[in-house]
Amino acid sequence: MPLPLEETKKARAEVYYGEEICREKTVSLLTEMGLPNWLLPSFEGIKEFGYVNDTGFVWLKQKQKREHKIDEVEGKIVIYDAEITGYVEPKRIKKLTGVKAKELFIWITLSEIRVVDDNNRPSTGTITFKTPSGLSRIGIRVSFEVKGVTVADI
């Protein structure tokens, strides 16, 4: 369970409230950092989004925990807790909390997500998911992109 956000982090952050602006800011930040737009939940139910520009700390608060099925990855199921935190930098989210993926019959906590593009062509890139114990799994980046979704569409 993620720890409550430190007030000092919140004081230095850009904080947004409300579903529409939070969705827009989530997709915008992921796109700006070169990450697929579906790595963090950008669907309904987001009530707070915050980002500390100088450290890269980001958080999302949802009304409730969400389960998402990724059909492009053999029906992979991902659970997003009501609060998600991490540090975002170009093509990487580290110290991630609040995201779990189902592998076989076990839920595995993810702690880092990293994107590697082949010659700066996102459509041919891979995405690596790492656990706190150091285990990792590689997937195809385009599986985590929602085609045609841009900040302008939100």
N, C-alpha and C. Protein backbone atom coordinates (compact mmCIF):
# COMPACT_ATOMS: atom_id res chain seq x y z
N MET A 1 0.85 -1.18 0.00
CA MET A 1 0.00 0.00 0.00
C MET A 1 0.89 1.24 0.00
N PRO A 2 0.67 2.16 -0.96
CA PRO A 2 1.51 3.35 -1.01
C PRO A 2 1.34 4.21 0.24
N LEU A 3 2.42 4.84 0.64
CA LEU A 3 2.37 5.76 1.77
C LEU A 3 1.66 7.04 1.36
N PRO A 4 1.00 7.70 2.29
CA PRO A 4 0.38 8.99 1.94
C PRO A 4 1.44 9.95 1.41
N LEU A 5 1.02 10.77 0.48
CA LEU A 5 1.96 11.71 -0.13
C LEU A 5 2.49 12.69 0.91
N GLU A 6 3.78 12.88 0.87
CA GLU A 6 4.38 13.85 1.78
C GLU A 6 3.92 15.25 1.40
N GLU A 7 3.57 16.01 2.38
CA GLU A 7 3.08 17.37 2.12
C GLU A 7 4.13 18.23 1.43
N THR A 8 5.43 17.96 1.68
CA THR A 8 6.47 18.76 1.03
C THR A 8 6.49 18.51 -0.47
N LYS A 9 6.25 17.25 -0.88
CA LYS A 9 6.20 16.95 -2.31
C LYS A 9 5.00 17.64 -2.94
N LYS A 10 3.88 17.57 -2.26
CA LYS A 10 2.66 18.16 -2.79
C LYS A 10 2.78 19.68 -2.90
N ALA A 11 3.49 20.30 -1.98
CA ALA A 11 3.63 21.75 -1.98
C ALA A 11 4.41 22.25 -3.19
N ARG A 12 5.35 21.45 -3.71
CA ARG A 12 6.16 21.86 -4.86
C ARG A 12 5.60 21.37 -6.18
N ALA A 13 4.45 20.74 -6.17
CA ALA A 13 3.93 20.07 -7.35
C ALA A 13 2.89 20.89 -8.10
N GLU A 14 2.73 20.52 -9.37
CA GLU A 14 1.57 20.96 -10.14
C GLU A 14 0.50 19.93 -9.81
N VAL A 15 -0.60 20.34 -9.20
CA VAL A 15 -1.65 19.42 -8.80
C VAL A 15 -2.94 19.80 -9.52
N TYR A 16 -3.61 18.79 -10.07
CA TYR A 16 -4.85 19.00 -10.81
C TYR A 16 -5.93 18.11 -10.21
N TYR A 17 -7.15 18.62 -10.21
CA TYR A 17 -8.29 17.88 -9.68
C TYR A 17 -9.38 17.84 -10.75
N GLY A 18 -10.05 16.72 -10.84
CA GLY A 18 -11.13 16.58 -11.81
C GLY A 18 -10.73 15.62 -12.92
N GLU A 19 -11.70 14.82 -13.31
CA GLU A 19 -11.44 13.73 -14.25
C GLU A 19 -10.87 14.19 -15.59
N GLU A 20 -11.47 15.18 -16.20
CA GLU A 20 -11.05 15.59 -17.54
C GLU A 20 -9.62 16.14 -17.57
N ILE A 21 -9.31 17.08 -16.69
CA ILE A 21 -7.97 17.67 -16.68
C ILE A 21 -6.92 16.64 -16.26
N CYS A 22 -7.27 15.74 -15.35
CA CYS A 22 -6.32 14.71 -14.91
C CYS A 22 -6.01 13.73 -16.04
N ARG A 23 -7.01 13.35 -16.82
CA ARG A 23 -6.78 12.48 -17.99
C ARG A 23 -5.86 13.18 -18.97
N GLU A 24 -6.15 14.45 -19.24
CA GLU A 24 -5.34 15.22 -20.18
C GLU A 24 -3.89 15.30 -19.72
N LYS A 25 -3.67 15.60 -18.46
CA LYS A 25 -2.31 15.74 -17.93
C LYS A 25 -1.57 14.40 -17.91
N THR A 26 -2.28 13.30 -17.63
CA THR A 26 -1.66 11.97 -17.65
C THR A 26 -1.14 11.64 -19.04
N VAL A 27 -2.01 11.76 -20.04
CA VAL A 27 -1.62 11.45 -21.42
C VAL A 27 -0.52 12.41 -21.88
N SER A 28 -0.63 13.67 -21.53
CA SER A 28 0.36 14.67 -21.92
C SER A 28 1.74 14.34 -21.35
N LEU A 29 1.80 14.00 -20.06
CA LEU A 29 3.08 13.68 -19.43
C LEU A 29 3.69 12.42 -20.03
N LEU A 30 2.89 11.38 -20.21
CA LEU A 30 3.42 10.14 -20.80
C LEU A 30 3.96 10.40 -22.20
N THR A 31 3.23 11.16 -23.00
CA THR A 31 3.67 11.48 -24.36
C THR A 31 4.95 12.30 -24.33
N GLU A 32 4.99 13.30 -23.48
CA GLU A 32 6.18 14.16 -23.35
C GLU A 32 7.41 13.35 -22.95
N MET A 33 7.25 12.34 -22.14
CA MET A 33 8.36 11.52 -21.66
C MET A 33 8.68 10.35 -22.61
N GLY A 34 7.97 10.26 -23.72
CA GLY A 34 8.25 9.20 -24.69
C GLY A 34 7.74 7.84 -24.24
N LEU A 35 6.71 7.83 -23.41
CA LEU A 35 6.14 6.59 -22.90
C LEU A 35 4.79 6.33 -23.56
N PRO A 36 4.40 5.06 -23.70
CA PRO A 36 3.08 4.76 -24.26
C PRO A 36 1.97 5.41 -23.44
N ASN A 37 0.93 5.85 -24.13
CA ASN A 37 -0.12 6.61 -23.45
C ASN A 37 -1.05 5.77 -22.59
N TRP A 38 -0.84 4.46 -22.51
CA TRP A 38 -1.72 3.61 -21.72
C TRP A 38 -0.98 2.95 -20.56
N LEU A 39 0.20 3.40 -20.23
CA LEU A 39 0.94 2.80 -19.11
C LEU A 39 0.29 3.08 -17.78
N LEU A 40 -0.17 4.29 -17.60
CA LEU A 40 -0.90 4.65 -16.39
C LEU A 40 -2.36 4.80 -16.78
N PRO A 41 -3.26 4.56 -15.86
CA PRO A 41 -4.67 4.64 -16.24
C PRO A 41 -5.06 6.05 -16.64
N SER A 42 -5.52 6.20 -17.87
CA SER A 42 -5.95 7.51 -18.33
C SER A 42 -7.43 7.48 -18.66
N PHE A 43 -8.12 6.54 -18.05
CA PHE A 43 -9.56 6.43 -18.27
C PHE A 43 -10.33 7.09 -17.14
N GLU A 44 -11.63 6.87 -17.10
CA GLU A 44 -12.49 7.55 -16.12
C GLU A 44 -12.14 7.19 -14.68
N GLY A 45 -12.49 8.08 -13.79
CA GLY A 45 -12.30 7.81 -12.37
C GLY A 45 -11.09 8.48 -11.73
N ILE A 46 -10.27 9.18 -12.50
CA ILE A 46 -9.11 9.86 -11.90
C ILE A 46 -9.61 11.13 -11.21
N LYS A 47 -9.25 11.29 -9.95
CA LYS A 47 -9.72 12.48 -9.24
C LYS A 47 -8.60 13.46 -8.91
N GLU A 48 -7.34 13.00 -8.96
CA GLU A 48 -6.21 13.90 -8.67
C GLU A 48 -4.98 13.43 -9.44
N PHE A 49 -4.25 14.39 -9.98
CA PHE A 49 -2.99 14.12 -10.68
C PHE A 49 -1.99 15.16 -10.21
N GLY A 50 -0.79 14.73 -9.87
CA GLY A 50 0.24 15.66 -9.44
C GLY A 50 1.59 15.31 -10.03
N TYR A 51 2.39 16.34 -10.28
CA TYR A 51 3.71 16.15 -10.88
C TYR A 51 4.67 17.19 -10.32
N VAL A 52 5.80 16.72 -9.80
CA VAL A 52 6.86 17.61 -9.31
C VAL A 52 7.92 17.66 -10.40
N ASN A 53 8.00 18.76 -11.11
CA ASN A 53 8.86 18.86 -12.28
C ASN A 53 10.34 18.66 -11.97
N ASP A 54 10.84 19.20 -10.86
CA ASP A 54 12.28 19.11 -10.59
C ASP A 54 12.74 17.72 -10.18
N THR A 55 11.86 16.88 -9.65
CA THR A 55 12.26 15.52 -9.25
C THR A 55 11.67 14.43 -10.14
N GLY A 56 10.61 14.76 -10.87
CA GLY A 56 9.94 13.76 -11.70
C GLY A 56 8.89 12.95 -10.95
N PHE A 57 8.67 13.27 -9.68
CA PHE A 57 7.69 12.52 -8.90
C PHE A 57 6.29 12.79 -9.45
N VAL A 58 5.54 11.72 -9.65
CA VAL A 58 4.18 11.82 -10.19
C VAL A 58 3.25 10.94 -9.37
N TRP A 59 2.01 11.37 -9.23
CA TRP A 59 1.01 10.52 -8.58
C TRP A 59 -0.34 10.71 -9.24
N LEU A 60 -1.14 9.68 -9.11
CA LEU A 60 -2.50 9.65 -9.62
C LEU A 60 -3.38 9.09 -8.53
N LYS A 61 -4.49 9.72 -8.28
CA LYS A 61 -5.46 9.16 -7.34
C LYS A 61 -6.75 8.91 -8.11
N GLN A 62 -7.27 7.70 -7.95
CA GLN A 62 -8.52 7.32 -8.59
C GLN A 62 -9.60 7.15 -7.54
N LYS A 63 -10.84 7.13 -8.00
CA LYS A 63 -11.95 6.92 -7.07
C LYS A 63 -11.88 5.53 -6.46
N GLN A 64 -11.39 4.57 -7.23
CA GLN A 64 -11.28 3.20 -6.74
C GLN A 64 -10.22 2.45 -7.54
N LYS A 65 -9.82 1.30 -7.02
CA LYS A 65 -8.87 0.44 -7.70
C LYS A 65 -9.50 -0.02 -9.02
N ARG A 66 -8.69 -0.15 -10.07
CA ARG A 66 -9.20 -0.56 -11.39
C ARG A 66 -8.43 -1.75 -11.93
N GLU A 67 -9.15 -2.58 -12.63
CA GLU A 67 -8.56 -3.72 -13.33
C GLU A 67 -8.71 -3.46 -14.81
N HIS A 68 -7.63 -3.69 -15.57
CA HIS A 68 -7.65 -3.44 -17.01
C HIS A 68 -7.08 -4.65 -17.74
N LYS A 69 -7.80 -5.10 -18.76
CA LYS A 69 -7.34 -6.23 -19.57
C LYS A 69 -6.72 -5.68 -20.86
N ILE A 70 -5.50 -6.10 -21.12
CA ILE A 70 -4.78 -5.65 -22.33
C ILE A 70 -4.87 -6.77 -23.35
N ASP A 71 -5.81 -6.65 -24.27
CA ASP A 71 -6.06 -7.70 -25.25
C ASP A 71 -4.87 -7.95 -26.17
N GLU A 72 -4.10 -6.90 -26.46
CA GLU A 72 -2.96 -7.02 -27.36
C GLU A 72 -1.83 -7.85 -26.77
N VAL A 73 -1.86 -8.11 -25.46
CA VAL A 73 -0.82 -8.88 -24.79
C VAL A 73 -1.46 -10.12 -24.18
N GLU A 74 -1.97 -10.96 -25.02
CA GLU A 74 -2.54 -12.25 -24.60
C GLU A 74 -3.48 -12.10 -23.42
N GLY A 75 -4.31 -11.06 -23.42
CA GLY A 75 -5.27 -10.88 -22.35
C GLY A 75 -4.66 -10.56 -21.00
N LYS A 76 -3.49 -9.97 -20.98
CA LYS A 76 -2.82 -9.60 -19.72
C LYS A 76 -3.72 -8.70 -18.89
N ILE A 77 -3.77 -8.97 -17.60
CA ILE A 77 -4.59 -8.17 -16.69
C ILE A 77 -3.67 -7.35 -15.80
N VAL A 78 -3.98 -6.06 -15.70
CA VAL A 78 -3.21 -5.14 -14.87
C VAL A 78 -4.16 -4.52 -13.86
N ILE A 79 -3.69 -4.41 -12.61
CA ILE A 79 -4.49 -3.75 -11.57
C ILE A 79 -3.80 -2.44 -11.21
N TYR A 80 -4.58 -1.37 -11.24
CA TYR A 80 -4.11 -0.05 -10.82
C TYR A 80 -4.78 0.26 -9.49
N ASP A 81 -3.99 0.42 -8.42
CA ASP A 81 -4.54 0.76 -7.11
C ASP A 81 -5.19 2.15 -7.16
N ALA A 82 -5.89 2.49 -6.10
CA ALA A 82 -6.53 3.80 -6.02
C ALA A 82 -5.50 4.93 -6.02
N GLU A 83 -4.27 4.64 -5.56
CA GLU A 83 -3.20 5.63 -5.61
C GLU A 83 -1.97 5.01 -6.27
N ILE A 84 -1.44 5.69 -7.26
CA ILE A 84 -0.26 5.24 -8.00
C ILE A 84 0.79 6.33 -7.88
N THR A 85 2.03 5.94 -7.58
CA THR A 85 3.12 6.92 -7.50
C THR A 85 4.34 6.39 -8.24
N GLY A 86 5.23 7.28 -8.59
CA GLY A 86 6.48 6.89 -9.23
C GLY A 86 7.28 8.12 -9.61
N TYR A 87 8.44 7.87 -10.16
CA TYR A 87 9.31 8.93 -10.66
C TYR A 87 9.44 8.73 -12.16
N VAL A 88 9.06 9.74 -12.91
CA VAL A 88 9.07 9.64 -14.36
C VAL A 88 10.25 10.44 -14.92
N GLU A 89 10.87 9.86 -15.93
CA GLU A 89 11.95 10.51 -16.66
C GLU A 89 11.82 10.04 -18.10
N PRO A 90 12.55 10.62 -19.03
CA PRO A 90 12.38 10.20 -20.42
C PRO A 90 12.50 8.68 -20.59
N LYS A 91 11.44 8.10 -21.14
CA LYS A 91 11.33 6.68 -21.48
C LYS A 91 11.42 5.74 -20.29
N ARG A 92 11.09 6.23 -19.07
CA ARG A 92 11.22 5.37 -17.89
C ARG A 92 10.35 5.87 -16.74
N ILE A 93 9.76 4.93 -16.03
CA ILE A 93 9.10 5.22 -14.75
C ILE A 93 9.77 4.31 -13.75
N LYS A 94 10.30 4.88 -12.66
CA LYS A 94 10.98 4.06 -11.66
C LYS A 94 10.32 4.29 -10.30
N LYS A 95 10.67 3.42 -9.35
CA LYS A 95 10.08 3.46 -8.00
C LYS A 95 8.56 3.51 -8.07
N LEU A 96 8.01 2.75 -8.99
CA LEU A 96 6.57 2.71 -9.23
C LEU A 96 5.86 1.96 -8.10
N THR A 97 4.76 2.50 -7.63
CA THR A 97 3.92 1.81 -6.65
C THR A 97 2.49 1.84 -7.14
N GLY A 98 1.72 0.83 -6.76
CA GLY A 98 0.30 0.81 -7.07
C GLY A 98 -0.08 0.14 -8.37
N VAL A 99 0.86 -0.57 -9.02
CA VAL A 99 0.56 -1.26 -10.27
C VAL A 99 1.00 -2.71 -10.15
N LYS A 100 0.08 -3.63 -10.49
CA LYS A 100 0.39 -5.06 -10.46
C LYS A 100 -0.09 -5.69 -11.76
N ALA A 101 0.64 -6.71 -12.20
CA ALA A 101 0.25 -7.46 -13.39
C ALA A 101 0.12 -8.93 -13.03
N LYS A 102 -0.80 -9.60 -13.69
CA LYS A 102 -1.00 -11.01 -13.41
C LYS A 102 -0.13 -11.83 -14.35
N GLU A 103 0.71 -12.65 -13.78
CA GLU A 103 1.60 -13.53 -14.54
C GLU A 103 1.29 -14.95 -14.10
N LEU A 104 0.84 -15.77 -15.02
CA LEU A 104 0.32 -17.10 -14.70
C LEU A 104 -0.82 -16.92 -13.71
N PHE A 105 -0.67 -17.38 -12.50
CA PHE A 105 -1.76 -17.24 -11.53
C PHE A 105 -1.39 -16.36 -10.35
N ILE A 106 -0.31 -15.59 -10.48
CA ILE A 106 0.14 -14.76 -9.37
C ILE A 106 0.13 -13.28 -9.78
N TRP A 107 -0.18 -12.44 -8.80
CA TRP A 107 -0.09 -11.00 -9.02
C TRP A 107 1.32 -10.55 -8.69
N ILE A 108 1.93 -9.83 -9.63
CA ILE A 108 3.31 -9.39 -9.47
C ILE A 108 3.33 -7.86 -9.43
N THR A 109 3.96 -7.33 -8.40
CA THR A 109 4.10 -5.88 -8.27
C THR A 109 5.17 -5.38 -9.24
N LEU A 110 4.86 -4.32 -9.96
CA LEU A 110 5.83 -3.71 -10.87
C LEU A 110 6.48 -2.53 -10.18
N SER A 111 7.79 -2.39 -10.38
CA SER A 111 8.50 -1.27 -9.75
C SER A 111 9.16 -0.34 -10.76
N GLU A 112 9.27 -0.80 -12.00
CA GLU A 112 9.92 0.04 -13.02
C GLU A 112 9.40 -0.34 -14.39
N ILE A 113 9.26 0.66 -15.24
CA ILE A 113 8.86 0.46 -16.63
C ILE A 113 9.82 1.28 -17.47
N ARG A 114 10.40 0.63 -18.50
CA ARG A 114 11.39 1.32 -19.34
C ARG A 114 11.08 1.02 -20.80
N VAL A 115 11.20 2.03 -21.65
CA VAL A 115 10.95 1.90 -23.08
C VAL A 115 12.26 2.02 -23.83
N VAL A 116 12.48 1.12 -24.79
CA VAL A 116 13.66 1.18 -25.66
C VAL A 116 13.15 1.19 -27.09
N ASP A 117 13.39 2.29 -27.79
CA ASP A 117 12.96 2.42 -29.18
C ASP A 117 14.09 2.00 -30.11
N ASP A 118 13.71 1.36 -31.20
CA ASP A 118 14.66 0.95 -32.22
C ASP A 118 14.83 2.10 -33.20
N ASN A 119 15.98 2.74 -33.18
CA ASN A 119 16.28 3.87 -34.07
C ASN A 119 15.22 4.96 -34.00
N ASN A 120 14.77 5.25 -32.78
CA ASN A 120 13.78 6.31 -32.55
C ASN A 120 12.47 6.09 -33.28
N ARG A 121 12.14 4.83 -33.57
CA ARG A 121 10.84 4.52 -34.17
C ARG A 121 10.01 3.82 -33.10
N PRO A 122 9.10 4.55 -32.45
CA PRO A 122 8.34 3.96 -31.35
C PRO A 122 7.59 2.69 -31.72
N SER A 123 7.15 2.57 -32.96
CA SER A 123 6.36 1.40 -33.34
C SER A 123 7.17 0.11 -33.31
N THR A 124 8.50 0.21 -33.30
CA THR A 124 9.33 -1.00 -33.27
C THR A 124 9.99 -1.21 -31.92
N GLY A 125 9.67 -0.38 -30.96
CA GLY A 125 10.33 -0.44 -29.66
C GLY A 125 9.78 -1.52 -28.74
N THR A 126 10.50 -1.71 -27.65
CA THR A 126 10.07 -2.67 -26.63
C THR A 126 9.87 -1.94 -25.31
N ILE A 127 9.20 -2.62 -24.42
CA ILE A 127 8.94 -2.07 -23.10
C ILE A 127 9.30 -3.14 -22.08
N THR A 128 10.07 -2.78 -21.08
CA THR A 128 10.51 -3.73 -20.06
C THR A 128 9.83 -3.40 -18.74
N PHE A 129 9.24 -4.42 -18.14
CA PHE A 129 8.59 -4.29 -16.84
C PHE A 129 9.46 -5.00 -15.82
N LYS A 130 9.80 -4.31 -14.75
CA LYS A 130 10.70 -4.87 -13.74
C LYS A 130 9.99 -4.95 -12.40
N THR A 131 10.29 -6.02 -11.64
CA THR A 131 9.71 -6.20 -10.31
C THR A 131 10.71 -5.74 -9.25
N PRO A 132 10.26 -5.54 -8.01
CA PRO A 132 11.20 -5.15 -6.95
C PRO A 132 12.32 -6.17 -6.73
N SER A 133 12.08 -7.44 -7.05
CA SER A 133 13.11 -8.46 -6.86
C SER A 133 14.10 -8.52 -8.02
N GLY A 134 13.88 -7.72 -9.08
CA GLY A 134 14.81 -7.69 -10.19
C GLY A 134 14.39 -8.50 -11.40
N LEU A 135 13.33 -9.29 -11.29
CA LEU A 135 12.83 -10.03 -12.44
C LEU A 135 12.23 -9.05 -13.44
N SER A 136 12.30 -9.39 -14.72
CA SER A 136 11.73 -8.49 -15.71
C SER A 136 11.08 -9.27 -16.84
N ARG A 137 10.25 -8.56 -17.58
CA ARG A 137 9.57 -9.14 -18.73
C ARG A 137 9.54 -8.07 -19.81
N ILE A 138 9.75 -8.48 -21.04
CA ILE A 138 9.78 -7.54 -22.16
C ILE A 138 8.52 -7.72 -23.00
N GLY A 139 7.93 -6.59 -23.40
CA GLY A 139 6.76 -6.60 -24.27
C GLY A 139 6.98 -5.65 -25.42
N ILE A 140 6.01 -5.60 -26.31
CA ILE A 140 6.08 -4.72 -27.47
C ILE A 140 5.39 -3.41 -27.12
N ARG A 141 6.05 -2.32 -27.38
CA ARG A 141 5.55 -0.99 -26.99
C ARG A 141 4.16 -0.70 -27.52
N VAL A 142 3.90 -1.01 -28.77
CA VAL A 142 2.62 -0.63 -29.37
C VAL A 142 1.44 -1.29 -28.68
N SER A 143 1.68 -2.36 -27.93
CA SER A 143 0.59 -3.00 -27.20
C SER A 143 0.05 -2.10 -26.10
N PHE A 144 0.80 -1.10 -25.72
CA PHE A 144 0.39 -0.21 -24.63
C PHE A 144 0.05 1.19 -25.12
N GLU A 145 -0.13 1.32 -26.43
CA GLU A 145 -0.55 2.59 -27.01
C GLU A 145 -2.01 2.47 -27.41
N VAL A 146 -2.79 3.48 -27.12
CA VAL A 146 -4.15 3.55 -27.63
C VAL A 146 -4.06 4.40 -28.88
N LYS A 147 -4.30 3.78 -30.01
CA LYS A 147 -4.13 4.45 -31.29
C LYS A 147 -5.06 5.65 -31.41
N GLY A 148 -4.51 6.73 -31.85
CA GLY A 148 -5.30 7.92 -32.10
C GLY A 148 -5.65 8.74 -30.88
N VAL A 149 -5.23 8.33 -29.71
CA VAL A 149 -5.53 9.12 -28.51
C VAL A 149 -4.42 10.12 -28.29
N THR A 150 -4.78 11.37 -28.36
CA THR A 150 -3.83 12.44 -28.10
C THR A 150 -4.44 13.38 -27.07
N VAL A 151 -3.67 14.30 -26.62
CA VAL A 151 -4.17 15.27 -25.64
C VAL A 151 -5.35 16.04 -26.24
N ALA A 152 -5.29 16.32 -27.54
CA ALA A 152 -6.37 17.07 -28.19
C ALA A 152 -7.69 16.30 -28.17
N ASP A 153 -7.63 14.97 -28.12
CA ASP A 153 -8.84 14.15 -28.13
C ASP A 153 -9.53 14.09 -26.78
N ILE A 154 -8.83 14.48 -25.74
CA ILE A 154 -9.39 14.31 -24.39
C ILE A 154 -10.24 15.49 -23.99
